């Protein structure tokens, strides 16, 4: 018998291959490694040669060390003639080589991949989440797992398309996982589902989220900085809180006015980027110049950040109340329907004074009411 007959290899290697077929061959250290290296010397093998190699390798795996199996996995992972059944067996054996196969090998069978995604160990599922050829069913299966590492890896995989239902599930988990939130916001800031992660997004992702919301709202021009409808007394009071450095009072007033959780309001006020506070204040209808003064006093360090003041001022001037409300709703976990509770109205709406009067008379608790308490 001449294994891999067309291979220009030595008689010693042929002898080793022949021993692999013998039940009386005794201990066979490193034989699997040697045979595998022999097999991959050529990129193309006939079906008969591949089956012969698989038969020998299957017999040798019982005596092979983990290092041998890992080596076999690494050199066969991308080989076009590698026997799929042998790759499946190596993958199920575990080890670093198996993880490589789960992450990269396209010859693994669908049942093996599906079982690994459903019930495999976390390290195996994490390896699967790195694959560039994941289909919708596999992605949904991985996204349904509980391990944070698996979800983060899936979120960072640009080759894995995330359907709306899958992304919603990941976003729900991301509210309690900052790393997952940052990964999703960085990768998909244009998707409406990730808008709820605005607080945990970086500056670039926040800017893209805002731009996307402006686009969906049909806004393209910089908005007017003229006075908006609202009570000057209420505006002066919240500004006074900031000037006095009463950040906790600002957070309390913000939570009540925005109808959001107190913890979220504190996080908005404490955020070092400044964008969440600009969003919240604009959602309440405060004028851009007052918004600018407020975030300067709430965090004096902002004034020392080169270009940061200008960037936040431009954001306040270019952000409509409508878009700001949508982002705030998403941050609060509410739907993206228009907010109805705020009494401070946007200049861009240009309501008539009669309509403003009727709207304010209907509001049971407005920003003005909340902030008219004695200083």
Protein backbone atom coordinates (compact mmCIF):
# COMPACT_ATOMS: atom_id res chain seq x y z
CA UNK A 1 0.00 0.00 0.00
CA UNK A 2 1.22 3.51 -0.83
CA UNK A 3 -0.68 6.17 1.15
CA UNK A 4 -1.04 9.46 -0.78
CA UNK A 5 0.71 7.71 -3.68
CA UNK A 6 1.45 10.86 -5.65
CA UNK A 7 3.18 12.57 -2.73
CA UNK A 8 6.98 12.83 -3.11
CA UNK A 9 7.60 11.76 0.50
CA UNK A 10 10.10 9.39 2.07
CA UNK A 11 9.67 5.66 2.61
CA UNK A 12 9.90 6.28 6.37
CA UNK A 13 6.72 8.34 6.31
CA UNK A 14 4.96 5.72 4.23
CA UNK A 15 6.02 3.15 6.80
CA UNK A 16 4.61 5.28 9.63
CA UNK A 17 1.34 5.68 7.77
CA UNK A 18 1.11 1.93 7.27
CA UNK A 19 1.66 1.37 10.98
CA UNK A 20 -1.29 3.61 11.67
CA UNK A 21 -3.56 1.10 9.97
CA UNK A 22 -2.26 -1.77 12.06
CA UNK A 23 -3.92 -2.63 15.34
CA UNK A 24 -0.61 -4.17 16.47
CA UNK A 25 1.42 -1.09 15.92
CA UNK A 26 1.86 -0.39 19.64
CA UNK A 27 2.36 3.13 20.99
CA UNK A 28 2.28 5.70 18.20
CA UNK A 29 3.63 9.00 19.60
CA UNK A 30 3.48 11.98 17.21
CA UNK A 31 2.17 9.78 14.40
CA UNK A 32 -0.99 11.90 13.96
CA UNK A 33 1.13 15.04 13.66
CA UNK A 34 3.45 13.42 11.09
CA UNK A 35 0.60 12.07 8.98
CA UNK A 36 -1.19 15.41 9.01
CA UNK A 37 1.94 17.25 7.91
CA UNK A 38 2.32 14.67 5.15
CA UNK A 39 -1.29 15.23 4.05
CA UNK A 40 -1.08 19.03 3.85
CA UNK A 41 2.06 19.01 1.75
CA UNK A 42 -0.28 19.12 -1.25
CA UNK A 43 -3.36 21.37 -1.46
CA UNK A 44 -5.31 18.88 -3.58
CA UNK A 45 -6.10 15.23 -2.88
CA UNK A 46 -8.42 12.75 -4.53
CA UNK A 47 -11.47 11.58 -2.63
CA UNK A 48 -9.80 8.21 -2.02
CA UNK A 49 -6.69 9.84 -0.58
CA UNK A 50 -8.74 12.03 1.75
CA UNK A 51 -10.75 9.03 2.96
CA UNK A 52 -7.57 7.03 3.53
CA UNK A 53 -6.10 9.86 5.60
CA UNK A 54 -9.33 10.18 7.59
CA UNK A 55 -9.38 6.44 8.35
CA UNK A 56 -5.80 6.48 9.64
CA UNK A 57 -6.32 9.69 11.64
CA UNK A 58 -9.49 8.38 13.29
CA UNK A 59 -7.57 5.34 14.57
CA UNK A 60 -4.68 7.45 15.80
CA UNK A 61 -6.76 9.96 17.72
CA UNK A 62 -7.32 7.53 20.60
CA UNK A 63 -3.59 7.64 21.40
CA UNK A 64 -2.90 11.21 20.28
CA UNK A 65 -2.04 13.88 22.80
CA UNK A 66 -3.98 17.14 23.05
CA UNK A 67 -1.02 18.94 21.47
CA UNK A 68 -1.18 16.61 18.47
CA UNK A 69 -4.92 17.20 18.07
CA UNK A 70 -4.44 20.96 18.33
CA UNK A 71 -1.71 20.82 15.68
CA UNK A 72 -3.91 18.75 13.40
CA UNK A 73 -6.75 21.24 13.79
CA UNK A 74 -4.51 24.20 13.02
CA UNK A 75 -3.05 22.79 9.80
CA UNK A 76 -6.33 21.29 8.54
CA UNK A 77 -8.55 24.26 9.45
CA UNK A 78 -8.39 25.90 6.01
CA UNK A 79 -7.17 22.97 3.91
CA UNK A 80 -9.60 22.44 0.99
CA UNK A 81 -9.34 18.63 1.10
CA UNK A 82 -9.61 18.18 4.88
CA UNK A 83 -12.14 15.42 5.69
CA UNK A 84 -15.21 17.03 7.34
CA UNK A 85 -15.92 14.06 9.61
CA UNK A 86 -12.38 14.21 10.98
CA UNK A 87 -12.70 17.94 11.60
CA UNK A 88 -15.98 17.33 13.44
CA UNK A 89 -14.32 14.77 15.69
CA UNK A 90 -11.39 17.06 16.48
CA UNK A 91 -13.80 19.90 17.25
CA UNK A 92 -15.76 17.72 19.67
CA UNK A 93 -12.55 16.63 21.38
CA UNK A 94 -12.04 20.17 22.71
CA UNK A 95 -8.88 22.16 23.30
CA UNK A 96 -7.38 25.20 21.59
CA UNK A 97 -7.49 23.49 18.22
CA UNK A 98 -11.21 22.89 18.57
CA UNK A 99 -11.80 26.57 19.37
CA UNK A 100 -9.91 27.50 16.21
CA UNK A 101 -12.12 25.21 14.16
CA UNK A 102 -15.32 26.61 15.69
CA UNK A 103 -14.15 30.14 15.00
CA UNK A 104 -12.80 29.74 11.47
CA UNK A 105 -13.29 26.35 9.81
CA UNK A 106 -16.00 26.33 7.14
CA UNK A 107 -15.94 22.55 6.76
CA UNK A 108 -17.53 21.79 10.15
CA UNK A 109 -20.94 20.21 9.78
CA UNK A 110 -24.10 22.17 10.52
CA UNK A 111 -25.26 19.83 13.33
CA UNK A 112 -21.94 20.24 15.16
CA UNK A 113 -22.14 24.03 14.84
CA UNK A 114 -25.78 24.13 15.96
CA UNK A 115 -25.17 21.93 18.99
CA UNK A 116 -22.19 24.08 19.99
CA UNK A 117 -24.22 27.27 19.67
CA UNK A 118 -27.09 25.86 21.72
CA UNK A 119 -25.45 23.82 24.47
CA UNK A 120 -21.71 24.24 23.99
CA UNK A 121 -19.43 25.68 26.65
CA UNK A 122 -19.12 29.45 26.83
CA UNK A 123 -15.64 29.41 25.28
CA UNK A 124 -16.96 27.42 22.32
CA UNK A 125 -19.94 29.75 21.84
CA UNK A 126 -17.61 32.74 22.05
CA UNK A 127 -15.45 31.22 19.31
CA UNK A 128 -18.55 30.65 17.19
CA UNK A 129 -19.56 34.29 17.66
CA UNK A 130 -16.36 35.32 15.85
CA UNK A 131 -17.20 33.47 12.63
CA UNK A 132 -17.54 35.50 9.45
CA UNK A 133 -20.20 33.19 7.97
CA UNK A 134 -22.87 33.22 10.67
CA UNK A 135 -26.43 32.95 9.40
CA UNK A 136 -29.52 34.49 10.99
CA UNK A 137 -30.50 31.32 12.85
CA UNK A 138 -27.05 30.86 14.37
CA UNK A 139 -26.89 34.53 15.39
CA UNK A 140 -30.30 34.30 17.07
CA UNK A 141 -29.19 31.18 18.95
CA UNK A 142 -26.00 32.83 20.19
CA UNK A 143 -27.83 36.04 21.13
CA UNK A 144 -30.20 34.02 23.32
CA UNK A 145 -27.34 32.78 25.52
CA UNK A 146 -26.66 34.27 28.94
CA UNK A 147 -22.85 34.61 28.83
CA UNK A 148 -21.77 38.24 28.55
CA UNK A 149 -18.55 37.33 26.74
CA UNK A 150 -20.54 35.60 23.98
CA UNK A 151 -22.85 38.59 23.51
CA UNK A 152 -19.97 41.07 23.48
CA UNK A 153 -18.10 39.04 20.87
CA UNK A 154 -21.22 38.83 18.72
CA UNK A 155 -21.76 42.58 19.04
CA UNK A 156 -18.19 43.26 17.87
CA UNK A 157 -18.46 40.91 14.89
CA UNK A 158 -19.02 43.24 11.94
CA UNK A 159 -19.74 40.24 9.71
CA UNK A 160 -22.72 39.15 11.80
CA UNK A 161 -25.93 40.88 10.64
CA UNK A 162 -28.20 41.65 13.58
CA UNK A 163 -31.93 41.52 12.89
CA UNK A 164 -34.17 43.97 14.74
CA UNK A 165 -35.41 41.36 17.23
CA UNK A 166 -31.87 40.18 17.97
CA UNK A 167 -30.60 43.73 18.37
CA UNK A 168 -33.45 44.59 20.71
CA UNK A 169 -32.54 41.61 22.88
CA UNK A 170 -28.88 42.64 22.94
CA UNK A 171 -29.76 46.25 23.77
CA UNK A 172 -31.91 45.08 26.68
CA UNK A 173 -28.91 43.17 28.04
CA UNK A 174 -26.59 46.08 27.26
CA UNK A 175 -28.44 48.37 29.67
CA UNK A 176 -26.76 46.35 32.43
CA UNK A 177 -23.48 45.71 30.59
CA UNK A 178 -21.43 48.79 29.73
CA UNK A 179 -18.96 46.89 27.53
CA UNK A 180 -21.76 45.38 25.48
CA UNK A 181 -23.45 48.79 25.25
CA UNK A 182 -20.30 50.47 23.97
CA UNK A 183 -19.74 47.71 21.42
CA UNK A 184 -23.27 48.00 20.03
CA UNK A 185 -23.27 51.80 20.02
CA UNK A 186 -19.88 51.92 18.31
CA UNK A 187 -20.89 49.43 15.65
CA UNK A 188 -24.53 50.40 15.01
CA UNK A 189 -25.12 54.05 16.00
CA UNK A 190 -27.43 54.46 12.98
CA UNK A 191 -29.89 51.82 14.18
CA UNK A 192 -32.86 53.14 16.13
CA UNK A 193 -32.66 50.16 18.51
CA UNK A 194 -29.30 51.35 19.90
CA UNK A 195 -30.57 54.85 20.68
CA UNK A 196 -31.40 53.70 24.19
CA UNK A 197 -27.66 53.22 24.79
CA UNK A 198 -26.88 56.91 24.22
CA UNK A 199 -25.63 57.36 27.78
CA UNK A 200 -23.00 54.65 27.36
CA UNK A 201 -21.92 55.59 23.84
CA UNK A 202 -18.70 57.46 23.08
CA UNK A 203 -18.65 60.94 21.53
CA UNK A 204 -18.47 59.68 17.95
CA UNK A 205 -21.38 57.30 18.38
CA UNK A 206 -23.45 59.98 20.11
CA UNK A 207 -22.87 62.37 17.23
CA UNK A 208 -23.93 59.70 14.72
CA UNK A 209 -27.02 58.86 16.75
CA UNK A 210 -28.04 62.52 16.84
CA UNK A 211 -27.39 62.91 13.13
CA UNK A 212 -29.50 59.85 12.38
CA UNK A 213 -32.40 61.12 14.47
CA UNK A 214 -32.22 64.52 12.76
CA UNK A 215 -32.25 62.77 9.40
CA UNK A 216 -35.30 60.68 10.26
CA UNK A 217 -37.03 63.83 11.52
CA UNK A 218 -36.39 65.53 8.18
CA UNK A 219 -34.05 68.12 9.60
CA UNK A 220 -31.01 69.27 7.65
CA UNK A 221 -30.53 72.94 8.48
CA UNK A 222 -29.15 74.44 11.69
CA UNK A 223 -32.08 75.45 13.84
CA UNK A 224 -32.90 78.93 14.99
CA UNK A 225 -31.47 80.07 18.29
CA UNK A 226 -34.39 82.44 18.86
CA UNK A 227 -36.37 82.38 22.11
CA UNK A 228 -38.63 79.41 22.51
CA UNK A 229 -41.93 79.26 24.32
CA UNK A 230 -41.50 78.69 28.02
CA UNK A 231 -41.37 80.44 31.37
CA UNK A 232 -38.33 82.63 31.99
CA UNK A 233 -38.75 82.15 35.72
CA UNK A 234 -38.42 78.39 35.42
CA UNK A 235 -35.39 78.73 33.19
CA UNK A 236 -33.69 81.14 35.57
CA UNK A 237 -34.28 78.81 38.49
CA UNK A 238 -32.71 75.72 36.93
CA UNK A 239 -29.83 77.89 35.72
CA UNK A 240 -29.41 79.25 39.25
CA UNK A 241 -29.18 75.73 40.61
CA UNK A 242 -26.31 75.05 38.25
CA UNK A 243 -24.53 78.32 39.07
CA UNK A 244 -24.74 77.51 42.76
CA UNK A 245 -23.18 74.13 42.05
CA UNK A 246 -26.26 72.30 43.34
CA UNK A 247 -25.88 69.41 40.94
CA UNK A 248 -28.10 67.14 43.03
CA UNK A 249 -30.91 69.70 42.84
CA UNK A 250 -30.42 69.95 39.10
CA UNK A 251 -30.64 66.16 38.84
CA UNK A 252 -33.82 66.05 40.94
CA UNK A 253 -35.46 68.78 38.85
CA UNK A 254 -34.36 67.05 35.67
CA UNK A 255 -35.80 63.70 36.77
CA UNK A 256 -39.14 65.27 37.64
CA UNK A 257 -39.33 67.36 34.49
CA UNK A 258 -38.29 64.57 32.15
CA UNK A 259 -40.31 61.91 33.99
CA UNK A 260 -37.24 59.72 34.09
CA UNK A 261 -35.54 57.67 36.78
CA UNK A 262 -33.54 59.64 39.36
CA UNK A 263 -30.49 57.47 38.76
CA UNK A 264 -30.62 58.25 35.04
CA UNK A 265 -30.95 61.97 35.76
CA UNK A 266 -27.89 61.88 38.04
CA UNK A 267 -25.95 60.00 35.37
CA UNK A 268 -26.97 62.60 32.78
CA UNK A 269 -25.75 65.44 34.99
CA UNK A 270 -22.53 63.59 35.89
CA UNK A 271 -21.66 62.49 32.35
CA UNK A 272 -18.29 64.01 31.42
CA UNK A 273 -19.08 64.18 27.71
CA UNK A 274 -21.91 66.68 28.18
CA UNK A 275 -24.11 65.44 25.33
CA UNK A 276 -26.75 63.73 27.54
CA UNK A 277 -27.33 66.93 29.52
CA UNK A 278 -27.64 68.95 26.34
CA UNK A 279 -30.16 66.38 25.05
CA UNK A 280 -32.24 66.50 28.24
CA UNK A 281 -32.30 70.29 28.49
CA UNK A 282 -33.17 70.75 24.83
CA UNK A 283 -35.90 68.11 25.20
CA UNK A 284 -37.44 70.38 27.86
CA UNK A 285 -37.31 73.35 25.50
CA UNK A 286 -34.50 75.40 27.06
CA UNK A 287 -32.80 77.82 24.70
CA UNK A 288 -29.37 76.80 23.37
CA UNK A 289 -27.52 79.66 25.07
CA UNK A 290 -29.03 78.78 28.45
CA UNK A 291 -28.23 75.12 27.88
CA UNK A 292 -24.62 76.12 27.23
CA UNK A 293 -24.37 78.12 30.44
CA UNK A 294 -25.94 75.31 32.47
CA UNK A 295 -23.55 72.57 31.37
CA UNK A 296 -20.62 74.94 31.97
CA UNK A 297 -21.67 75.47 35.57
CA UNK A 298 -22.71 71.88 36.21
CA UNK A 299 -19.22 70.71 35.16
CA UNK A 300 -16.64 73.55 35.23
CA UNK A 301 -14.03 71.15 33.86
CA UNK A 302 -15.79 71.31 30.51
CA UNK A 303 -14.61 74.91 30.07
CA UNK A 304 -11.00 73.72 30.20
CA UNK A 305 -11.46 71.03 27.53
CA UNK A 306 -10.18 72.36 24.25
CA UNK A 307 -13.01 72.72 21.75
CA UNK A 308 -15.50 70.93 23.98
CA UNK A 309 -17.53 74.03 24.83
CA UNK A 310 -17.88 74.96 21.17
CA UNK A 311 -18.88 71.43 20.22
CA UNK A 312 -21.58 71.24 22.88
CA UNK A 313 -22.82 74.72 22.01
CA UNK A 314 -23.14 73.71 18.36
CA UNK A 315 -24.98 70.59 19.43
CA UNK A 316 -27.44 72.64 21.50
CA UNK A 317 -28.02 75.08 18.64
CA UNK A 318 -28.47 72.41 16.00
CA UNK A 319 -30.74 70.11 17.98
CA UNK A 320 -34.50 70.49 17.81
CA UNK A 321 -36.72 69.75 20.76
CA UNK A 322 -38.42 67.02 18.72
CA UNK A 323 -35.21 65.09 18.09
CA UNK A 324 -33.99 65.69 21.64
CA UNK A 325 -37.21 64.23 23.02
CA UNK A 326 -36.84 61.11 20.88
CA UNK A 327 -33.33 60.52 22.14
CA UNK A 328 -34.32 61.19 25.76
CA UNK A 329 -37.22 58.76 25.44
CA UNK A 330 -34.87 56.08 24.17
CA UNK A 331 -32.40 56.76 26.99
CA UNK A 332 -35.27 56.42 29.47
CA UNK A 333 -36.43 53.14 27.97
CA UNK A 334 -39.65 54.63 26.67
CA UNK A 335 -41.01 54.25 23.15
CA UNK A 336 -40.04 56.71 20.48
CA UNK A 337 -43.50 58.23 20.29
CA UNK A 338 -43.59 62.03 20.66
CA UNK A 339 -43.37 63.16 24.29
CA UNK A 340 -46.54 64.84 25.56
CA UNK A 341 -45.73 65.76 29.12
CA UNK A 342 -43.40 68.73 28.57
CA UNK A 343 -44.91 72.21 28.73
CA UNK A 344 -41.91 74.00 27.24
CA UNK A 345 -42.39 74.05 23.47
CA UNK A 346 -39.93 74.32 20.63
CA UNK A 347 -39.68 77.47 18.55
CA UNK A 348 -39.60 75.33 15.41
CA UNK A 349 -43.17 74.24 16.09
CA UNK A 350 -44.32 77.93 15.93
CA UNK A 351 -47.51 77.38 17.89
CA UNK A 352 -50.00 80.19 18.07
CA UNK A 353 -50.40 81.87 21.45
CA UNK A 354 -53.91 80.48 21.72
CA UNK A 355 -52.74 76.95 21.10
CA UNK A 356 -49.91 77.41 23.60
CA UNK A 357 -52.42 78.59 26.19
CA UNK A 358 -54.67 75.59 25.59
CA UNK A 359 -51.72 73.17 25.74
CA UNK A 360 -50.38 74.65 28.97
CA UNK A 361 -53.81 74.59 30.59
CA UNK A 362 -54.09 70.88 29.85
CA UNK A 363 -50.69 69.98 31.35
CA UNK A 364 -51.20 68.87 34.97
CA UNK A 365 -47.46 69.12 35.86
CA UNK A 366 -45.20 71.20 33.66
CA UNK A 367 -41.56 72.12 33.96
CA UNK A 368 -42.73 75.55 35.20
CA UNK A 369 -44.83 73.98 37.96
CA UNK A 370 -41.98 71.75 39.04
CA UNK A 371 -39.45 74.52 39.25
CA UNK A 372 -41.62 77.27 40.80
CA UNK A 373 -40.92 75.96 44.28
CA UNK A 374 -39.33 78.47 46.66
CA UNK A 375 -35.53 78.68 46.38
